[in-house]
């Protein structure tokens, strides 16, 4: 997909309920109706999928990964269906407690098909690894049996490396998850004024989709100021996609625009050249 063409409001986590593609279409249609232009369809992968038997332990990560496969969504047909309406990206969310499994995932052939890489830590050790070493795009702190000891040092290390933290508002609709979600959102504000924070739905049901202006108001309640609240579903998401492109290609991602006319003027007029250099 062309990141340069990504515009409008963003929802970078749309889940699929089982194999119900028709349900996914209704979610995407609702997002388009509300004014969203760029979305990412998410695939959740648990570390158990990358289980290694004793016979494979002696082999290296790349050899083991060749024998591992997991289901992927045929996103090309979905893109054709919403061509001209939505820019659709492919995202993977890896739920993990054993950091060694991240190396195996990196060598899986299917992994390269995804535009965005989100990491969902299950343990404190996995969270620390994600913030300090893992080459992911997003860290999502989901409500589970433990409460992470998240501190400013980990937050700053992740932000410095270009990693974004995600708040999924679907968790706010769940009574059991709401408390933890609000807690982590306010930690983002306390530690770094919600820098590198994005807001996405995490939804697989059209009934739970909210319009962008409701989300901006919601983000303000989660500790984001008005500017950061708008950015969480606008240009902060665009920055995230550029960062993801850099990770995938192993180099800096930038946009080149044709300015041939300006170059001709510079060649003809030396005075103009001096002004441009300044």
C-alpha atoms as a PDB file:
ATOM      1  CA  UNK A   1       0.000   0.000   0.000  1.00  0.00           C
ATOM      2  CA  UNK A   2       1.047   3.562  -0.664  1.00  0.00           C
ATOM      3  CA  UNK A   3       1.493   5.349   2.662  1.00  0.00           C
ATOM      4  CA  UNK A   4       1.615   8.658   0.832  1.00  0.00           C
ATOM      5  CA  UNK A   5      -2.045   8.215  -0.107  1.00  0.00           C
ATOM      6  CA  UNK A   6      -3.192   7.541   3.464  1.00  0.00           C
ATOM      7  CA  UNK A   7      -5.432  10.403   4.549  1.00  0.00           C
ATOM      8  CA  UNK A   8      -8.342  11.369   6.763  1.00  0.00           C
ATOM      9  CA  UNK A   9      -9.111   9.768  10.104  1.00  0.00           C
ATOM     10  CA  UNK A  10      -7.341   6.525  11.010  1.00  0.00           C
ATOM     11  CA  UNK A  11      -8.410   3.345  12.780  1.00  0.00           C
ATOM     12  CA  UNK A  12      -5.378   1.090  12.879  1.00  0.00           C
ATOM     13  CA  UNK A  13      -6.972  -1.899  14.607  1.00  0.00           C
ATOM     14  CA  UNK A  14     -10.091  -3.500  13.158  1.00  0.00           C
ATOM     15  CA  UNK A  15     -10.574  -7.102  14.242  1.00  0.00           C
ATOM     16  CA  UNK A  16     -12.243  -9.934  12.353  1.00  0.00           C
ATOM     17  CA  UNK A  17     -14.806 -12.072  14.169  1.00  0.00           C
ATOM     18  CA  UNK A  18     -13.851 -15.621  13.246  1.00  0.00           C
ATOM     19  CA  UNK A  19     -14.095 -15.952   9.476  1.00  0.00           C
ATOM     20  CA  UNK A  20     -17.125 -13.659   9.164  1.00  0.00           C
ATOM     21  CA  UNK A  21     -16.006 -11.528   6.231  1.00  0.00           C
ATOM     22  CA  UNK A  22     -19.501 -10.070   5.783  1.00  0.00           C
ATOM     23  CA  UNK A  23     -19.356  -8.793   9.359  1.00  0.00           C
ATOM     24  CA  UNK A  24     -15.966  -7.223   8.605  1.00  0.00           C
ATOM     25  CA  UNK A  25     -17.486  -5.478   5.582  1.00  0.00           C
ATOM     26  CA  UNK A  26     -20.193  -3.966   7.798  1.00  0.00           C
ATOM     27  CA  UNK A  27     -17.525  -2.657  10.215  1.00  0.00           C
ATOM     28  CA  UNK A  28     -15.526  -1.124   7.365  1.00  0.00           C
ATOM     29  CA  UNK A  29     -18.670   0.396   5.865  1.00  0.00           C
ATOM     30  CA  UNK A  30     -19.519   1.995   9.209  1.00  0.00           C
ATOM     31  CA  UNK A  31     -15.999   3.431   9.482  1.00  0.00           C
ATOM     32  CA  UNK A  32     -16.295   4.897   5.992  1.00  0.00           C
ATOM     33  CA  UNK A  33     -19.711   6.334   6.852  1.00  0.00           C
ATOM     34  CA  UNK A  34     -18.178   8.096   9.880  1.00  0.00           C
ATOM     35  CA  UNK A  35     -15.419   9.665   7.806  1.00  0.00           C
ATOM     36  CA  UNK A  36     -12.495   7.306   8.365  1.00  0.00           C
ATOM     37  CA  UNK A  37     -10.225   6.976   5.338  1.00  0.00           C
ATOM     38  CA  UNK A  38      -7.389   4.719   6.511  1.00  0.00           C
ATOM     39  CA  UNK A  39      -7.784   1.478   8.468  1.00  0.00           C
ATOM     40  CA  UNK A  40      -5.714  -1.562   9.414  1.00  0.00           C
ATOM     41  CA  UNK A  41      -7.235  -5.032   9.594  1.00  0.00           C
ATOM     42  CA  UNK A  42      -5.759  -6.867  12.554  1.00  0.00           C
ATOM     43  CA  UNK A  43      -4.791 -10.521  12.945  1.00  0.00           C
ATOM     44  CA  UNK A  44      -4.184 -11.763  16.498  1.00  0.00           C
ATOM     45  CA  UNK A  45      -1.445 -14.376  16.842  1.00  0.00           C
ATOM     46  CA  UNK A  46      -0.677 -16.088  20.142  1.00  0.00           C
ATOM     47  CA  UNK A  47       2.805 -17.361  20.899  1.00  0.00           C
ATOM     48  CA  UNK A  48       1.386 -20.884  21.238  1.00  0.00           C
ATOM     49  CA  UNK A  49       1.130 -20.991  17.424  1.00  0.00           C
ATOM     50  CA  UNK A  50       4.925 -20.871  17.351  1.00  0.00           C
ATOM     51  CA  UNK A  51       5.316 -23.848  19.688  1.00  0.00           C
ATOM     52  CA  UNK A  52       8.512 -25.831  19.134  1.00  0.00           C
ATOM     53  CA  UNK A  53       8.775 -29.569  19.653  1.00  0.00           C
ATOM     54  CA  UNK A  54      11.896 -31.262  20.977  1.00  0.00           C
ATOM     55  CA  UNK A  55      13.049 -32.427  17.538  1.00  0.00           C
ATOM     56  CA  UNK A  56      13.189 -28.821  16.308  1.00  0.00           C
ATOM     57  CA  UNK A  57      15.047 -27.334  19.246  1.00  0.00           C
ATOM     58  CA  UNK A  58      18.429 -28.080  17.694  1.00  0.00           C
ATOM     59  CA  UNK A  59      17.564 -26.132  14.556  1.00  0.00           C
ATOM     60  CA  UNK A  60      18.026 -22.381  14.286  1.00  0.00           C
ATOM     61  CA  UNK A  61      15.174 -19.867  14.241  1.00  0.00           C
ATOM     62  CA  UNK A  62      15.024 -19.476  10.462  1.00  0.00           C
ATOM     63  CA  UNK A  63      14.805 -23.248   9.888  1.00  0.00           C
ATOM     64  CA  UNK A  64      12.075 -23.654  12.491  1.00  0.00           C
ATOM     65  CA  UNK A  65      10.110 -20.726  11.081  1.00  0.00           C
ATOM     66  CA  UNK A  66       9.907 -22.278   7.618  1.00  0.00           C
ATOM     67  CA  UNK A  67       7.763 -25.099   9.032  1.00  0.00           C
ATOM     68  CA  UNK A  68       5.395 -22.734  10.881  1.00  0.00           C
ATOM     69  CA  UNK A  69       2.363 -21.190   9.239  1.00  0.00           C
ATOM     70  CA  UNK A  70      -0.676 -19.333  10.520  1.00  0.00           C
ATOM     71  CA  UNK A  71      -3.879 -18.177   8.891  1.00  0.00           C
ATOM     72  CA  UNK A  72      -3.837 -14.824   7.141  1.00  0.00           C
ATOM     73  CA  UNK A  73      -6.712 -12.766   5.786  1.00  0.00           C
ATOM     74  CA  UNK A  74      -7.060 -12.387   2.023  1.00  0.00           C
ATOM     75  CA  UNK A  75      -6.835  -8.624   2.229  1.00  0.00           C
ATOM     76  CA  UNK A  76      -6.546  -7.996  -1.517  1.00  0.00           C
ATOM     77  CA  UNK A  77     -10.214  -8.815  -2.145  1.00  0.00           C
ATOM     78  CA  UNK A  78     -11.206  -6.492   0.695  1.00  0.00           C
ATOM     79  CA  UNK A  79      -9.093  -3.705  -0.796  1.00  0.00           C
ATOM     80  CA  UNK A  80     -10.804  -4.151  -4.153  1.00  0.00           C
ATOM     81  CA  UNK A  81     -14.217  -4.011  -2.481  1.00  0.00           C
ATOM     82  CA  UNK A  82     -13.404  -0.672  -0.816  1.00  0.00           C
ATOM     83  CA  UNK A  83     -11.235   0.764  -3.565  1.00  0.00           C
ATOM     84  CA  UNK A  84     -11.627   4.536  -3.676  1.00  0.00           C
ATOM     85  CA  UNK A  85     -13.202   4.580  -0.214  1.00  0.00           C
ATOM     86  CA  UNK A  86     -10.661   3.236   2.272  1.00  0.00           C
ATOM     87  CA  UNK A  87      -6.910   2.753   2.352  1.00  0.00           C
ATOM     88  CA  UNK A  88      -6.574  -0.669   3.997  1.00  0.00           C
ATOM     89  CA  UNK A  89      -3.409  -1.926   5.672  1.00  0.00           C
ATOM     90  CA  UNK A  90      -2.568  -5.317   7.137  1.00  0.00           C
ATOM     91  CA  UNK A  91      -1.626  -5.624  10.816  1.00  0.00           C
ATOM     92  CA  UNK A  92      -0.459  -8.421  13.104  1.00  0.00           C
ATOM     93  CA  UNK A  93      -0.750  -8.377  16.911  1.00  0.00           C
ATOM     94  CA  UNK A  94       1.558 -10.843  18.632  1.00  0.00           C
ATOM     95  CA  UNK A  95       0.549 -11.930  22.145  1.00  0.00           C
ATOM     96  CA  UNK A  96       3.705 -13.081  23.865  1.00  0.00           C
ATOM     97  CA  UNK A  97       5.354 -13.910  27.195  1.00  0.00           C
ATOM     98  CA  UNK A  98       8.478 -15.719  25.911  1.00  0.00           C
ATOM     99  CA  UNK A  99      10.648 -13.123  24.150  1.00  0.00           C
ATOM    100  CA  UNK A 100      12.531 -15.873  22.290  1.00  0.00           C
ATOM    101  CA  UNK A 101       9.374 -16.433  20.229  1.00  0.00           C
ATOM    102  CA  UNK A 102       9.743 -12.951  18.692  1.00  0.00           C
ATOM    103  CA  UNK A 103      12.876 -14.102  16.843  1.00  0.00           C
ATOM    104  CA  UNK A 104      10.978 -17.053  15.392  1.00  0.00           C
ATOM    105  CA  UNK A 105       8.117 -14.804  14.291  1.00  0.00           C
ATOM    106  CA  UNK A 106      10.535 -12.476  12.485  1.00  0.00           C
ATOM    107  CA  UNK A 107      11.642 -15.365  10.264  1.00  0.00           C
ATOM    108  CA  UNK A 108       8.138 -16.580   9.370  1.00  0.00           C
ATOM    109  CA  UNK A 109       7.332 -16.059   5.706  1.00  0.00           C
ATOM    110  CA  UNK A 110       3.802 -14.845   6.512  1.00  0.00           C
ATOM    111  CA  UNK A 111       5.153 -12.135   8.821  1.00  0.00           C
ATOM    112  CA  UNK A 112       6.456 -10.094   5.885  1.00  0.00           C
ATOM    113  CA  UNK A 113       2.924  -9.729   4.517  1.00  0.00           C
ATOM    114  CA  UNK A 114       1.914  -7.390   7.343  1.00  0.00           C
ATOM    115  CA  UNK A 115       2.310  -3.613   7.196  1.00  0.00           C
ATOM    116  CA  UNK A 116       2.068  -3.077  10.965  1.00  0.00           C
ATOM    117  CA  UNK A 117       3.554  -5.078  13.832  1.00  0.00           C
ATOM    118  CA  UNK A 118       1.885  -4.709  17.232  1.00  0.00           C
ATOM    119  CA  UNK A 119       3.190  -6.446  20.340  1.00  0.00           C
ATOM    120  CA  UNK A 120       0.914  -7.414  23.238  1.00  0.00           C
ATOM    121  CA  UNK A 121       3.057  -8.388  26.264  1.00  0.00           C
ATOM    122  CA  UNK A 122       1.761 -11.015  28.661  1.00  0.00           C
ATOM    123  CA  UNK A 123       4.483 -10.626  31.285  1.00  0.00           C
ATOM    124  CA  UNK A 124       6.588  -7.873  32.828  1.00  0.00           C
ATOM    125  CA  UNK A 125       9.705  -9.283  31.162  1.00  0.00           C
ATOM    126  CA  UNK A 126       8.015  -9.189  27.754  1.00  0.00           C
ATOM    127  CA  UNK A 127       7.007  -5.549  28.314  1.00  0.00           C
ATOM    128  CA  UNK A 128      10.561  -4.546  29.235  1.00  0.00           C
ATOM    129  CA  UNK A 129      11.927  -6.340  26.173  1.00  0.00           C
ATOM    130  CA  UNK A 130       9.400  -4.636  23.894  1.00  0.00           C
ATOM    131  CA  UNK A 131      10.223  -1.156  25.201  1.00  0.00           C
ATOM    132  CA  UNK A 132      13.996  -1.554  25.086  1.00  0.00           C
ATOM    133  CA  UNK A 133      14.867  -3.974  22.263  1.00  0.00           C
ATOM    134  CA  UNK A 134      11.991  -5.280  20.131  1.00  0.00           C
ATOM    135  CA  UNK A 135      11.690  -3.805  16.642  1.00  0.00           C
ATOM    136  CA  UNK A 136       7.908  -3.449  16.687  1.00  0.00           C
ATOM    137  CA  UNK A 137       5.667  -0.538  15.708  1.00  0.00           C
ATOM    138  CA  UNK A 138       3.051  -0.635  18.468  1.00  0.00           C
ATOM    139  CA  UNK A 139       2.848  -1.783  22.073  1.00  0.00           C
ATOM    140  CA  UNK A 140      -0.659  -2.553  23.284  1.00  0.00           C
ATOM    141  CA  UNK A 141      -1.210  -3.008  27.017  1.00  0.00           C
ATOM    142  CA  UNK A 142      -4.312  -5.164  27.333  1.00  0.00           C
ATOM    143  CA  UNK A 143      -6.096  -6.016  30.554  1.00  0.00           C
ATOM    144  CA  UNK A 144      -5.101  -9.449  31.828  1.00  0.00           C
ATOM    145  CA  UNK A 145      -4.316 -11.287  35.048  1.00  0.00           C
ATOM    146  CA  UNK A 146      -1.368  -9.027  35.907  1.00  0.00           C
ATOM    147  CA  UNK A 147      -0.919  -5.299  36.280  1.00  0.00           C
ATOM    148  CA  UNK A 148       2.290  -4.190  34.586  1.00  0.00           C
ATOM    149  CA  UNK A 149       4.852  -2.166  36.507  1.00  0.00           C
ATOM    150  CA  UNK A 150       5.095   0.463  33.829  1.00  0.00           C
ATOM    151  CA  UNK A 151       7.456   3.354  34.597  1.00  0.00           C
ATOM    152  CA  UNK A 152       8.740   6.528  32.959  1.00  0.00           C
ATOM    153  CA  UNK A 153      12.067   4.961  31.994  1.00  0.00           C
ATOM    154  CA  UNK A 154      10.382   2.240  29.922  1.00  0.00           C
ATOM    155  CA  UNK A 155       8.030   4.779  28.361  1.00  0.00           C
ATOM    156  CA  UNK A 156      10.875   7.121  27.385  1.00  0.00           C
ATOM    157  CA  UNK A 157      12.962   4.271  25.939  1.00  0.00           C
ATOM    158  CA  UNK A 158      10.078   3.108  23.759  1.00  0.00           C
ATOM    159  CA  UNK A 159       9.227   6.625  22.543  1.00  0.00           C
ATOM    160  CA  UNK A 160      12.875   7.356  21.752  1.00  0.00           C
ATOM    161  CA  UNK A 161      12.920   4.261  19.538  1.00  0.00           C
ATOM    162  CA  UNK A 162       9.813   5.441  17.677  1.00  0.00           C
ATOM    163  CA  UNK A 163       7.426   2.890  19.165  1.00  0.00           C
ATOM    164  CA  UNK A 164       3.801   3.969  19.648  1.00  0.00           C
ATOM    165  CA  UNK A 165       1.471   3.015  22.475  1.00  0.00           C
ATOM    166  CA  UNK A 166      -2.100   2.107  21.630  1.00  0.00           C
ATOM    167  CA  UNK A 167      -5.354   2.672  23.482  1.00  0.00           C
ATOM    168  CA  UNK A 168      -8.241   0.553  22.184  1.00  0.00           C
ATOM    169  CA  UNK A 169     -11.558   2.124  23.083  1.00  0.00           C
ATOM    170  CA  UNK A 170     -13.325  -1.237  22.841  1.00  0.00           C
ATOM    171  CA  UNK A 171     -11.753  -1.941  26.246  1.00  0.00           C
ATOM    172  CA  UNK A 172     -13.536   1.082  27.697  1.00  0.00           C
ATOM    173  CA  UNK A 173     -16.876  -0.485  26.769  1.00  0.00           C
ATOM    174  CA  UNK A 174     -15.956  -3.570  28.809  1.00  0.00           C
ATOM    175  CA  UNK A 175     -16.448  -3.159  32.564  1.00  0.00           C
ATOM    176  CA  UNK A 176     -13.673  -5.643  33.383  1.00  0.00           C
ATOM    177  CA  UNK A 177     -11.079  -3.927  31.167  1.00  0.00           C
ATOM    178  CA  UNK A 178     -12.067  -0.299  31.709  1.00  0.00           C
ATOM    179  CA  UNK A 179     -10.130   0.271  34.934  1.00  0.00           C
ATOM    180  CA  UNK A 180      -6.798  -0.952  33.543  1.00  0.00           C
ATOM    181  CA  UNK A 181      -7.237   0.918  30.256  1.00  0.00           C
ATOM    182  CA  UNK A 182      -7.855   4.236  32.007  1.00  0.00           C
ATOM    183  CA  UNK A 183      -4.937   3.538  34.357  1.00  0.00           C
ATOM    184  CA  UNK A 184      -2.452   2.995  31.507  1.00  0.00           C
ATOM    185  CA  UNK A 185      -3.814   5.969  29.548  1.00  0.00           C
ATOM    186  CA  UNK A 186      -3.180   8.282  32.491  1.00  0.00           C
ATOM    187  CA  UNK A 187       0.322   6.842  32.927  1.00  0.00           C
ATOM    188  CA  UNK A 188       1.062   7.828  29.315  1.00  0.00           C
ATOM    189  CA  UNK A 189      -0.022  11.361  30.177  1.00  0.00           C
ATOM    190  CA  UNK A 190       1.954  11.453  33.440  1.00  0.00           C
ATOM    191  CA  UNK A 191       5.196  10.114  31.963  1.00  0.00           C
ATOM    192  CA  UNK A 192       5.283  11.940  28.632  1.00  0.00           C
ATOM    193  CA  UNK A 193       2.136  13.992  28.058  1.00  0.00           C
ATOM    194  CA  UNK A 194       0.748  11.186  25.881  1.00  0.00           C
ATOM    195  CA  UNK A 195       3.514  11.388  23.284  1.00  0.00           C
ATOM    196  CA  UNK A 196       3.370   8.639  20.622  1.00  0.00           C
ATOM    197  CA  UNK A 197      -0.118   7.541  21.672  1.00  0.00           C
ATOM    198  CA  UNK A 198      -2.738   6.449  19.151  1.00  0.00           C
ATOM    199  CA  UNK A 199      -6.409   5.615  19.640  1.00  0.00           C
ATOM    200  CA  UNK A 200      -8.023   2.752  17.730  1.00  0.00           C
ATOM    201  CA  UNK A 201     -11.220   0.755  18.012  1.00  0.00           C
ATOM    202  CA  UNK A 202     -10.038  -2.841  18.403  1.00  0.00           C
ATOM    203  CA  UNK A 203     -13.591  -3.651  17.362  1.00  0.00           C
ATOM    204  CA  UNK A 204     -15.135  -6.509  15.407  1.00  0.00           C
ATOM    205  CA  UNK A 205     -18.692  -5.185  15.623  1.00  0.00           C
ATOM    206  CA  UNK A 206     -20.133  -2.223  13.723  1.00  0.00           C
ATOM    207  CA  UNK A 207     -22.332  -1.350  16.720  1.00  0.00           C
ATOM    208  CA  UNK A 208     -19.272  -0.443  18.803  1.00  0.00           C
ATOM    209  CA  UNK A 209     -17.734   1.920  16.233  1.00  0.00           C
ATOM    210  CA  UNK A 210     -17.722   5.567  17.287  1.00  0.00           C
ATOM    211  CA  UNK A 211     -17.365   8.669  15.130  1.00  0.00           C
ATOM    212  CA  UNK A 212     -14.076  10.644  15.174  1.00  0.00           C
ATOM    213  CA  UNK A 213     -15.425  13.592  17.136  1.00  0.00           C
ATOM    214  CA  UNK A 214     -16.685  11.365  19.937  1.00  0.00           C
ATOM    215  CA  UNK A 215     -13.224   9.792  20.008  1.00  0.00           C
ATOM    216  CA  UNK A 216     -11.523  13.183  20.306  1.00  0.00           C
ATOM    217  CA  UNK A 217     -13.705  13.978  23.320  1.00  0.00           C
ATOM    218  CA  UNK A 218     -12.988  10.532  24.754  1.00  0.00           C
ATOM    219  CA  UNK A 219      -9.232  10.988  24.304  1.00  0.00           C
ATOM    220  CA  UNK A 220      -9.414  14.230  26.273  1.00  0.00           C
ATOM    221  CA  UNK A 221     -10.932  12.288  29.170  1.00  0.00           C
ATOM    222  CA  UNK A 222      -8.009   9.852  28.946  1.00  0.00           C
ATOM    223  CA  UNK A 223      -5.472  12.596  29.599  1.00  0.00           C
ATOM    224  CA  UNK A 224      -4.716  13.801  26.075  1.00  0.00           C
ATOM    225  CA  UNK A 225      -4.995  17.517  25.389  1.00  0.00           C
ATOM    226  CA  UNK A 226      -7.005  18.707  22.388  1.00  0.00           C
ATOM    227  CA  UNK A 227      -4.008  18.667  20.032  1.00  0.00           C
ATOM    228  CA  UNK A 228      -2.867  15.178  21.094  1.00  0.00           C
ATOM    229  CA  UNK A 229      -6.451  13.909  21.019  1.00  0.00           C
ATOM    230  CA  UNK A 230      -6.838  14.889  17.354  1.00  0.00           C
ATOM    231  CA  UNK A 231      -3.360  13.597  16.544  1.00  0.00           C
ATOM    232  CA  UNK A 232      -4.182  10.177  18.035  1.00  0.00           C
ATOM    233  CA  UNK A 233      -6.517   9.460  15.094  1.00  0.00           C
ATOM    234  CA  UNK A 234      -4.845  11.724  12.516  1.00  0.00           C
ATOM    235  CA  UNK A 235      -1.199  12.591  11.787  1.00  0.00           C
ATOM    236  CA  UNK A 236       0.244  10.542  14.686  1.00  0.00           C
ATOM    237  CA  UNK A 237      -1.099   7.464  12.912  1.00  0.00           C
ATOM    238  CA  UNK A 238       0.488   8.622   9.655  1.00  0.00           C
ATOM    239  CA  UNK A 239       3.833   8.965  11.438  1.00  0.00           C
ATOM    240  CA  UNK A 240       3.370   5.446  12.748  1.00  0.00           C
ATOM    241  CA  UNK A 241       2.811   4.072   9.244  1.00  0.00           C
ATOM    242  CA  UNK A 242       5.968   5.793   8.003  1.00  0.00           C
ATOM    243  CA  UNK A 243       7.882   4.298  10.914  1.00  0.00           C
ATOM    244  CA  UNK A 244       6.484   0.860  10.049  1.00  0.00           C
ATOM    245  CA  UNK A 245       7.603   1.275   6.438  1.00  0.00           C
ATOM    246  CA  UNK A 246      11.107   2.105   7.642  1.00  0.00           C
ATOM    247  CA  UNK A 247      11.156  -1.032   9.802  1.00  0.00           C
ATOM    248  CA  UNK A 248       9.972  -3.262   6.971  1.00  0.00           C
ATOM    249  CA  UNK A 249      12.490  -1.934   4.464  1.00  0.00           C
ATOM    250  CA  UNK A 250      15.333  -1.561   6.946  1.00  0.00           C
ATOM    251  CA  UNK A 251      15.959   2.053   5.972  1.00  0.00           C
ATOM    252  CA  UNK A 252      14.592   5.562   6.399  1.00  0.00           C
ATOM    253  CA  UNK A 253      11.163   6.215   4.916  1.00  0.00           C
ATOM    254  CA  UNK A 254      10.607   9.560   3.260  1.00  0.00           C
ATOM    255  CA  UNK A 255       8.493  11.087   0.516  1.00  0.00           C
ATOM    256  CA  UNK A 256      10.018  12.618  -2.638  1.00  0.00           C
ATOM    257  CA  UNK A 257       8.012  15.190  -4.568  1.00  0.00           C
ATOM    258  CA  UNK A 258       8.725  16.337  -8.114  1.00  0.00           C
ATOM    259  CA  UNK A 259      10.035  19.906  -8.052  1.00  0.00           C
ATOM    260  CA  UNK A 260      11.664  20.076 -11.497  1.00  0.00           C
ATOM    261  CA  UNK A 261      10.415  23.609 -12.139  1.00  0.00           C
ATOM    262  CA  UNK A 262      12.064  24.930  -9.000  1.00  0.00           C
ATOM    263  CA  UNK A 263      15.361  23.307  -9.990  1.00  0.00           C
ATOM    264  CA  UNK A 264      15.295  25.026 -13.401  1.00  0.00           C
ATOM    265  CA  UNK A 265      14.847  28.409 -11.755  1.00  0.00           C
ATOM    266  CA  UNK A 266      17.776  27.752  -9.442  1.00  0.00           C
ATOM    267  CA  UNK A 267      20.021  26.850 -12.370  1.00  0.00           C
ATOM    268  CA  UNK A 268      19.157  30.055 -14.226  1.00  0.00           C
ATOM    269  CA  UNK A 269      19.422  32.445 -11.333  1.00  0.00           C
ATOM    270  CA  UNK A 270      22.415  32.214  -8.999  1.00  0.00           C
ATOM    271  CA  UNK A 271      20.833  34.702  -6.614  1.00  0.00           C
ATOM    272  CA  UNK A 272      17.879  32.385  -6.158  1.00  0.00           C
ATOM    273  CA  UNK A 273      20.316  29.589  -5.345  1.00  0.00           C
ATOM    274  CA  UNK A 274      21.755  31.568  -2.466  1.00  0.00           C
ATOM    275  CA  UNK A 275      18.308  32.262  -1.079  1.00  0.00           C
ATOM    276  CA  UNK A 276      17.364  28.598  -1.201  1.00  0.00           C
ATOM    277  CA  UNK A 277      20.539  27.570   0.598  1.00  0.00           C
ATOM    278  CA  UNK A 278      19.790  29.973   3.415  1.00  0.00           C
END
